[in-house]
Amino acid sequence: MCRGSVEFEAIGLEHGLAFTQTFAAELRALAPFEKDGLVEIGQDAIEVTARGWYFVRNIAMVFDRHFQADRTRSQFSRAI
């Protein structure tokens, strides 16, 4: 969230995984954000756009396994 980007190769090397395969579902879940111009998904990275910074928390939630596992819990704050 702080950097506004995710570089696939860097994450893959650090954690010993193939980013696009491991996070295929999350990449698909980002499609609406990309359609709305909030992120740009390239061959090797995800970049939050200037407009997307207003929604960076929502974008990052796509990768939050705890949040995704139990979306009915009310302990998480809601976004407008």
PDB file of N, CA and C in Angstrom:
ATOM      1  N   MET A   1       0.819  -1.195   0.000  1.00  0.00           N
ATOM      2  CA  MET A   1       0.000   0.000   0.000  1.00  0.00           C
ATOM      3  C   MET A   1       0.861   1.256   0.000  1.00  0.00           C
ATOM      4  N   CYS A   2       1.941   1.249   0.727  1.00  0.00           N
ATOM      5  CA  CYS A   2       2.767   2.452   0.861  1.00  0.00           C
ATOM      6  C   CYS A   2       3.454   2.832  -0.438  1.00  0.00           C
ATOM      7  N   ARG A   3       3.862   1.843  -1.200  1.00  0.00           N
ATOM      8  CA  ARG A   3       4.603   2.116  -2.437  1.00  0.00           C
ATOM      9  C   ARG A   3       3.697   2.317  -3.639  1.00  0.00           C
ATOM     10  N   GLY A   4       2.499   1.776  -3.570  1.00  0.00           N
ATOM     11  CA  GLY A   4       1.574   1.918  -4.681  1.00  0.00           C
ATOM     12  C   GLY A   4       1.864   1.007  -5.848  1.00  0.00           C
ATOM     13  N   SER A   5       2.733   0.027  -5.623  1.00  0.00           N
ATOM     14  CA  SER A   5       3.030  -0.912  -6.700  1.00  0.00           C
ATOM     15  C   SER A   5       3.441  -2.262  -6.133  1.00  0.00           C
ATOM     16  N   VAL A   6       3.269  -3.257  -6.961  1.00  0.00           N
ATOM     17  CA  VAL A   6       3.707  -4.615  -6.641  1.00  0.00           C
ATOM     18  C   VAL A   6       4.471  -5.121  -7.848  1.00  0.00           C
ATOM     19  N   GLU A   7       5.725  -5.432  -7.643  1.00  0.00           N
ATOM     20  CA  GLU A   7       6.547  -5.974  -8.730  1.00  0.00           C
ATOM     21  C   GLU A   7       6.571  -7.487  -8.591  1.00  0.00           C
ATOM     22  N   PHE A   8       6.037  -8.167  -9.578  1.00  0.00           N
ATOM     23  CA  PHE A   8       5.862  -9.615  -9.518  1.00  0.00           C
ATOM     24  C   PHE A   8       7.169 -10.361  -9.265  1.00  0.00           C
ATOM     25  N   GLU A   9       8.217  -9.993  -9.981  1.00  0.00           N
ATOM     26  CA  GLU A   9       9.484 -10.702  -9.847  1.00  0.00           C
ATOM     27  C   GLU A   9      10.076 -10.541  -8.444  1.00  0.00           C
ATOM     28  N   ALA A  10      10.010  -9.340  -7.903  1.00  0.00           N
ATOM     29  CA  ALA A  10      10.564  -9.101  -6.567  1.00  0.00           C
ATOM     30  C   ALA A  10       9.844  -9.936  -5.511  1.00  0.00           C
ATOM     31  N   ILE A  11       8.524  -9.979  -5.582  1.00  0.00           N
ATOM     32  CA  ILE A  11       7.745 -10.778  -4.625  1.00  0.00           C
ATOM     33  C   ILE A  11       8.050 -12.259  -4.833  1.00  0.00           C
ATOM     34  N   GLY A  12       8.104 -12.676  -6.070  1.00  0.00           N
ATOM     35  CA  GLY A  12       8.393 -14.075  -6.389  1.00  0.00           C
ATOM     36  C   GLY A  12       9.738 -14.526  -5.871  1.00  0.00           C
ATOM     37  N   LEU A  13      10.754 -13.704  -6.066  1.00  0.00           N
ATOM     38  CA  LEU A  13      12.095 -14.055  -5.594  1.00  0.00           C
ATOM     39  C   LEU A  13      12.163 -14.069  -4.072  1.00  0.00           C
ATOM     40  N   GLU A  14      11.527 -13.107  -3.440  1.00  0.00           N
ATOM     41  CA  GLU A  14      11.570 -13.013  -1.980  1.00  0.00           C
ATOM     42  C   GLU A  14      10.857 -14.179  -1.301  1.00  0.00           C
ATOM     43  N   HIS A  15       9.785 -14.657  -1.913  1.00  0.00           N
ATOM     44  CA  HIS A  15       8.966 -15.694  -1.280  1.00  0.00           C
ATOM     45  C   HIS A  15       9.011 -17.045  -1.991  1.00  0.00           C
ATOM     46  N   GLY A  16       9.798 -17.130  -3.044  1.00  0.00           N
ATOM     47  CA  GLY A  16       9.939 -18.395  -3.757  1.00  0.00           C
ATOM     48  C   GLY A  16       8.659 -18.884  -4.397  1.00  0.00           C
ATOM     49  N   LEU A  17       8.012 -18.004  -5.150  1.00  0.00           N
ATOM     50  CA  LEU A  17       6.760 -18.381  -5.797  1.00  0.00           C
ATOM     51  C   LEU A  17       6.628 -17.711  -7.148  1.00  0.00           C
ATOM     52  N   ALA A  18       5.737 -18.225  -7.941  1.00  0.00           N
ATOM     53  CA  ALA A  18       5.405 -17.619  -9.232  1.00  0.00           C
ATOM     54  C   ALA A  18       4.199 -16.710  -8.982  1.00  0.00           C
ATOM     55  N   PHE A  19       4.426 -15.406  -8.966  1.00  0.00           N
ATOM     56  CA  PHE A  19       3.407 -14.444  -8.539  1.00  0.00           C
ATOM     57  C   PHE A  19       2.107 -14.592  -9.312  1.00  0.00           C
ATOM     58  N   THR A  20       2.167 -14.576 -10.637  1.00  0.00           N
ATOM     59  CA  THR A  20       0.934 -14.575 -11.424  1.00  0.00           C
ATOM     60  C   THR A  20       0.141 -15.867 -11.265  1.00  0.00           C
ATOM     61  N   GLN A  21       0.804 -16.961 -10.971  1.00  0.00           N
ATOM     62  CA  GLN A  21       0.096 -18.221 -10.729  1.00  0.00           C
ATOM     63  C   GLN A  21      -0.472 -18.253  -9.316  1.00  0.00           C
ATOM     64  N   THR A  22       0.339 -17.871  -8.353  1.00  0.00           N
ATOM     65  CA  THR A  22      -0.084 -17.900  -6.958  1.00  0.00           C
ATOM     66  C   THR A  22      -1.235 -16.937  -6.703  1.00  0.00           C
ATOM     67  N   PHE A  23      -1.204 -15.794  -7.340  1.00  0.00           N
ATOM     68  CA  PHE A  23      -2.208 -14.761  -7.112  1.00  0.00           C
ATOM     69  C   PHE A  23      -3.136 -14.569  -8.310  1.00  0.00           C
ATOM     70  N   ALA A  24      -3.397 -15.631  -9.043  1.00  0.00           N
ATOM     71  CA  ALA A  24      -4.261 -15.540 -10.224  1.00  0.00           C
ATOM     72  C   ALA A  24      -5.662 -15.050  -9.865  1.00  0.00           C
ATOM     73  N   ALA A  25      -6.238 -15.564  -8.788  1.00  0.00           N
ATOM     74  CA  ALA A  25      -7.585 -15.147  -8.378  1.00  0.00           C
ATOM     75  C   ALA A  25      -7.599 -13.668  -7.989  1.00  0.00           C
ATOM     76  N   GLU A  26      -6.556 -13.227  -7.298  1.00  0.00           N
ATOM     77  CA  GLU A  26      -6.473 -11.831  -6.887  1.00  0.00           C
ATOM     78  C   GLU A  26      -6.304 -10.912  -8.093  1.00  0.00           C
ATOM     79  N   LEU A  27      -5.523 -11.336  -9.052  1.00  0.00           N
ATOM     80  CA  LEU A  27      -5.356 -10.543 -10.268  1.00  0.00           C
ATOM     81  C   LEU A  27      -6.685 -10.407 -11.010  1.00  0.00           C
ATOM     82  N   ARG A  28      -7.470 -11.477 -11.035  1.00  0.00           N
ATOM     83  CA  ARG A  28      -8.804 -11.400 -11.653  1.00  0.00           C
ATOM     84  C   ARG A  28      -9.699 -10.448 -10.855  1.00  0.00           C
ATOM     85  N   ALA A  29      -9.581 -10.485  -9.531  1.00  0.00           N
ATOM     86  CA  ALA A  29     -10.404  -9.625  -8.672  1.00  0.00           C
ATOM     87  C   ALA A  29     -10.054  -8.146  -8.842  1.00  0.00           C
ATOM     88  N   LEU A  30      -8.868  -7.853  -9.342  1.00  0.00           N
ATOM     89  CA  LEU A  30      -8.463  -6.466  -9.578  1.00  0.00           C
ATOM     90  C   LEU A  30      -9.029  -5.896 -10.873  1.00  0.00           C
ATOM     91  N   ALA A  31      -9.599  -6.734 -11.707  1.00  0.00           N
ATOM     92  CA  ALA A  31     -10.115  -6.284 -13.009  1.00  0.00           C
ATOM     93  C   ALA A  31     -11.087  -5.104 -12.899  1.00  0.00           C
ATOM     94  N   PRO A  32     -12.041  -5.115 -11.965  1.00  0.00           N
ATOM     95  CA  PRO A  32     -12.932  -3.943 -11.860  1.00  0.00           C
ATOM     96  C   PRO A  32     -12.184  -2.659 -11.492  1.00  0.00           C
ATOM     97  N   PHE A  33     -11.156  -2.769 -10.665  1.00  0.00           N
ATOM     98  CA  PHE A  33     -10.356  -1.601 -10.308  1.00  0.00           C
ATOM     99  C   PHE A  33      -9.601  -1.084 -11.531  1.00  0.00           C
ATOM    100  N   GLU A  34      -9.123  -2.015 -12.347  1.00  0.00           N
ATOM    101  CA  GLU A  34      -8.420  -1.610 -13.564  1.00  0.00           C
ATOM    102  C   GLU A  34      -9.397  -0.946 -14.541  1.00  0.00           C
ATOM    103  N   LYS A  35     -10.569  -1.513 -14.667  1.00  0.00           N
ATOM    104  CA  LYS A  35     -11.590  -0.957 -15.557  1.00  0.00           C
ATOM    105  C   LYS A  35     -11.952   0.468 -15.146  1.00  0.00           C
ATOM    106  N   ASP A  36     -11.967   0.723 -13.842  1.00  0.00           N
ATOM    107  CA  ASP A  36     -12.301   2.051 -13.328  1.00  0.00           C
ATOM    108  C   ASP A  36     -11.112   3.007 -13.309  1.00  0.00           C
ATOM    109  N   GLY A  37      -9.955   2.547 -13.798  1.00  0.00           N
ATOM    110  CA  GLY A  37      -8.785   3.404 -13.872  1.00  0.00           C
ATOM    111  C   GLY A  37      -8.075   3.617 -12.544  1.00  0.00           C
ATOM    112  N   LEU A  38      -8.271   2.690 -11.600  1.00  0.00           N
ATOM    113  CA  LEU A  38      -7.664   2.828 -10.281  1.00  0.00           C
ATOM    114  C   LEU A  38      -6.330   2.109 -10.170  1.00  0.00           C
ATOM    115  N   VAL A  39      -6.125   1.090 -10.991  1.00  0.00           N
ATOM    116  CA  VAL A  39      -4.856   0.370 -11.048  1.00  0.00           C
ATOM    117  C   VAL A  39      -4.523   0.082 -12.501  1.00  0.00           C
ATOM    118  N   GLU A  40      -3.241  -0.108 -12.739  1.00  0.00           N
ATOM    119  CA  GLU A  40      -2.777  -0.570 -14.044  1.00  0.00           C
ATOM    120  C   GLU A  40      -2.063  -1.889 -13.810  1.00  0.00           C
ATOM    121  N   ILE A  41      -2.509  -2.921 -14.495  1.00  0.00           N
ATOM    122  CA  ILE A  41      -1.909  -4.241 -14.344  1.00  0.00           C
ATOM    123  C   ILE A  41      -1.111  -4.533 -15.605  1.00  0.00           C
ATOM    124  N   GLY A  42       0.193  -4.637 -15.427  1.00  0.00           N
ATOM    125  CA  GLY A  42       1.076  -4.919 -16.545  1.00  0.00           C
ATOM    126  C   GLY A  42       1.575  -6.353 -16.502  1.00  0.00           C
ATOM    127  N   GLN A  43       2.503  -6.663 -17.378  1.00  0.00           N
ATOM    128  CA  GLN A  43       3.075  -8.006 -17.437  1.00  0.00           C
ATOM    129  C   GLN A  43       3.911  -8.327 -16.208  1.00  0.00           C
ATOM    130  N   ASP A  44       4.481  -7.294 -15.587  1.00  0.00           N
ATOM    131  CA  ASP A  44       5.396  -7.550 -14.475  1.00  0.00           C
ATOM    132  C   ASP A  44       5.110  -6.768 -13.207  1.00  0.00           C
ATOM    133  N   ALA A  45       3.991  -6.010 -13.182  1.00  0.00           N
ATOM    134  CA  ALA A  45       3.703  -5.215 -11.984  1.00  0.00           C
ATOM    135  C   ALA A  45       2.252  -4.729 -11.959  1.00  0.00           C
ATOM    136  N   ILE A  46       1.837  -4.338 -10.765  1.00  0.00           N
ATOM    137  CA  ILE A  46       0.564  -3.657 -10.550  1.00  0.00           C
ATOM    138  C   ILE A  46       0.918  -2.272 -10.032  1.00  0.00           C
ATOM    139  N   GLU A  47       0.320  -1.244 -10.609  1.00  0.00           N
ATOM    140  CA  GLU A  47       0.571   0.133 -10.182  1.00  0.00           C
ATOM    141  C   GLU A  47      -0.763   0.785  -9.824  1.00  0.00           C
ATOM    142  N   VAL A  48      -0.815   1.420  -8.673  1.00  0.00           N
ATOM    143  CA  VAL A  48      -1.990   2.201  -8.298  1.00  0.00           C
ATOM    144  C   VAL A  48      -1.886   3.539  -9.022  1.00  0.00           C
ATOM    145  N   THR A  49      -2.956   3.964  -9.650  1.00  0.00           N
ATOM    146  CA  THR A  49      -2.956   5.245 -10.365  1.00  0.00           C
ATOM    147  C   THR A  49      -3.179   6.388  -9.374  1.00  0.00           C
ATOM    148  N   ALA A  50      -3.011   7.605  -9.847  1.00  0.00           N
ATOM    149  CA  ALA A  50      -3.251   8.780  -8.993  1.00  0.00           C
ATOM    150  C   ALA A  50      -4.682   8.751  -8.460  1.00  0.00           C
ATOM    151  N   ARG A  51      -5.605   8.431  -9.301  1.00  0.00           N
ATOM    152  CA  ARG A  51      -7.009   8.330  -8.878  1.00  0.00           C
ATOM    153  C   ARG A  51      -7.209   7.166  -7.903  1.00  0.00           C
ATOM    154  N   GLY A  52      -6.446   6.103  -8.107  1.00  0.00           N
ATOM    155  CA  GLY A  52      -6.564   4.919  -7.274  1.00  0.00           C
ATOM    156  C   GLY A  52      -6.099   5.111  -5.843  1.00  0.00           C
ATOM    157  N   TRP A  53      -5.259   6.126  -5.601  1.00  0.00           N
ATOM    158  CA  TRP A  53      -4.765   6.363  -4.240  1.00  0.00           C
ATOM    159  C   TRP A  53      -5.900   6.620  -3.264  1.00  0.00           C
ATOM    160  N   TYR A  54      -6.998   7.158  -3.737  1.00  0.00           N
ATOM    161  CA  TYR A  54      -8.143   7.391  -2.860  1.00  0.00           C
ATOM    162  C   TYR A  54      -8.776   6.076  -2.400  1.00  0.00           C
ATOM    163  N   PHE A  55      -8.503   5.009  -3.135  1.00  0.00           N
ATOM    164  CA  PHE A  55      -9.103   3.708  -2.858  1.00  0.00           C
ATOM    165  C   PHE A  55      -8.057   2.630  -2.590  1.00  0.00           C
ATOM    166  N   VAL A  56      -6.847   3.029  -2.248  1.00  0.00           N
ATOM    167  CA  VAL A  56      -5.746   2.068  -2.114  1.00  0.00           C
ATOM    168  C   VAL A  56      -6.056   0.992  -1.071  1.00  0.00           C
ATOM    169  N   ARG A  57      -6.754   1.343  -0.030  1.00  0.00           N
ATOM    170  CA  ARG A  57      -7.090   0.362   0.995  1.00  0.00           C
ATOM    171  C   ARG A  57      -8.018  -0.720   0.428  1.00  0.00           C
ATOM    172  N   ASN A  58      -8.983  -0.306  -0.362  1.00  0.00           N
ATOM    173  CA  ASN A  58      -9.886  -1.268  -0.997  1.00  0.00           C
ATOM    174  C   ASN A  58      -9.141  -2.158  -1.979  1.00  0.00           C
ATOM    175  N   ILE A  59      -8.213  -1.588  -2.699  1.00  0.00           N
ATOM    176  CA  ILE A  59      -7.412  -2.344  -3.654  1.00  0.00           C
ATOM    177  C   ILE A  59      -6.575  -3.385  -2.917  1.00  0.00           C
ATOM    178  N   ALA A  60      -5.935  -2.969  -1.842  1.00  0.00           N
ATOM    179  CA  ALA A  60      -5.088  -3.882  -1.068  1.00  0.00           C
ATOM    180  C   ALA A  60      -5.886  -5.006  -0.434  1.00  0.00           C
ATOM    181  N   MET A  61      -7.154  -4.769  -0.116  1.00  0.00           N
ATOM    182  CA  MET A  61      -7.991  -5.802   0.506  1.00  0.00           C
ATOM    183  C   MET A  61      -8.128  -7.044  -0.372  1.00  0.00           C
ATOM    184  N   VAL A  62      -7.939  -6.881  -1.657  1.00  0.00           N
ATOM    185  CA  VAL A  62      -8.004  -8.029  -2.569  1.00  0.00           C
ATOM    186  C   VAL A  62      -6.975  -9.084  -2.152  1.00  0.00           C
ATOM    187  N   PHE A  63      -5.855  -8.656  -1.591  1.00  0.00           N
ATOM    188  CA  PHE A  63      -4.781  -9.564  -1.194  1.00  0.00           C
ATOM    189  C   PHE A  63      -4.840  -9.957   0.283  1.00  0.00           C
ATOM    190  N   ASP A  64      -5.828  -9.473   1.013  1.00  0.00           N
ATOM    191  CA  ASP A  64      -5.957  -9.757   2.441  1.00  0.00           C
ATOM    192  C   ASP A  64      -6.752 -11.052   2.634  1.00  0.00           C
ATOM    193  N   ARG A  65      -6.054 -12.141   2.880  1.00  0.00           N
ATOM    194  CA  ARG A  65      -6.708 -13.447   3.001  1.00  0.00           C
ATOM    195  C   ARG A  65      -7.667 -13.508   4.179  1.00  0.00           C
ATOM    196  N   HIS A  66      -7.341 -12.828   5.269  1.00  0.00           N
ATOM    197  CA  HIS A  66      -8.240 -12.825   6.428  1.00  0.00           C
ATOM    198  C   HIS A  66      -9.548 -12.118   6.099  1.00  0.00           C
ATOM    199  N   PHE A  67      -9.459 -11.011   5.432  1.00  0.00           N
ATOM    200  CA  PHE A  67     -10.660 -10.276   5.041  1.00  0.00           C
ATOM    201  C   PHE A  67     -11.484 -11.068   4.026  1.00  0.00           C
ATOM    202  N   GLN A  68     -10.830 -11.626   3.054  1.00  0.00           N
ATOM    203  CA  GLN A  68     -11.532 -12.380   2.023  1.00  0.00           C
ATOM    204  C   GLN A  68     -12.192 -13.638   2.584  1.00  0.00           C
ATOM    205  N   ALA A  69     -11.582 -14.245   3.600  1.00  0.00           N
ATOM    206  CA  ALA A  69     -12.117 -15.477   4.179  1.00  0.00           C
ATOM    207  C   ALA A  69     -13.415 -15.237   4.927  1.00  0.00           C
ATOM    208  N   ASP A  70     -13.583 -14.057   5.497  1.00  0.00           N
ATOM    209  CA  ASP A  70     -14.774 -13.792   6.295  1.00  0.00           C
ATOM    210  C   ASP A  70     -15.264 -12.373   6.070  1.00  0.00           C
ATOM    211  N   ARG A  71     -15.880 -12.156   4.943  1.00  0.00           N
ATOM    212  CA  ARG A  71     -16.335 -10.819   4.568  1.00  0.00           C
ATOM    213  C   ARG A  71     -17.557 -10.372   5.348  1.00  0.00           C
ATOM    214  N   THR A  72     -18.177 -11.276   6.134  1.00  0.00           N
ATOM    215  CA  THR A  72     -19.380 -10.917   6.873  1.00  0.00           C
ATOM    216  C   THR A  72     -19.070 -10.293   8.221  1.00  0.00           C
ATOM    217  N   ARG A  73     -17.843 -10.396   8.675  1.00  0.00           N
ATOM    218  CA  ARG A  73     -17.486  -9.832   9.981  1.00  0.00           C
ATOM    219  C   ARG A  73     -17.535  -8.315   9.920  1.00  0.00           C
ATOM    220  N   SER A  74     -17.985  -7.711  10.983  1.00  0.00           N
ATOM    221  CA  SER A  74     -18.122  -6.262  10.998  1.00  0.00           C
ATOM    222  C   SER A  74     -16.962  -5.555  11.678  1.00  0.00           C
ATOM    223  N   GLN A  75     -15.910  -6.269  12.022  1.00  0.00           N
ATOM    224  CA  GLN A  75     -14.801  -5.616  12.688  1.00  0.00           C
ATOM    225  C   GLN A  75     -13.964  -4.759  11.746  1.00  0.00           C
ATOM    226  N   PHE A  76     -14.098  -4.948  10.461  1.00  0.00           N
ATOM    227  CA  PHE A  76     -13.358  -4.154   9.502  1.00  0.00           C
ATOM    228  C   PHE A  76     -14.144  -2.870   9.197  1.00  0.00           C
ATOM    229  N   SER A  77     -13.443  -1.783   9.072  1.00  0.00           N
ATOM    230  CA  SER A  77     -14.122  -0.531   8.733  1.00  0.00           C
ATOM    231  C   SER A  77     -14.593  -0.588   7.296  1.00  0.00           C
ATOM    232  N   ARG A  78     -15.616   0.111   7.009  1.00  0.00           N
ATOM    233  CA  ARG A  78     -16.186   0.128   5.666  1.00  0.00           C
ATOM    234  C   ARG A  78     -15.686   1.349   4.912  1.00  0.00           C
ATOM    235  N   ALA A  79     -15.609   1.203   3.609  1.00  0.00           N
ATOM    236  CA  ALA A  79     -15.234   2.325   2.751  1.00  0.00           C
ATOM    237  C   ALA A  79     -16.488   2.887   2.113  1.00  0.00           C
ATOM    238  N   ILE A  80     -16.408   4.114   1.734  1.00  0.00           N
ATOM    239  CA  ILE A  80     -17.553   4.758   1.107  1.00  0.00           C
ATOM    240  C   ILE A  80     -17.736   4.208  -0.285  1.00  0.00           C
TER     241      ILE A  80
END
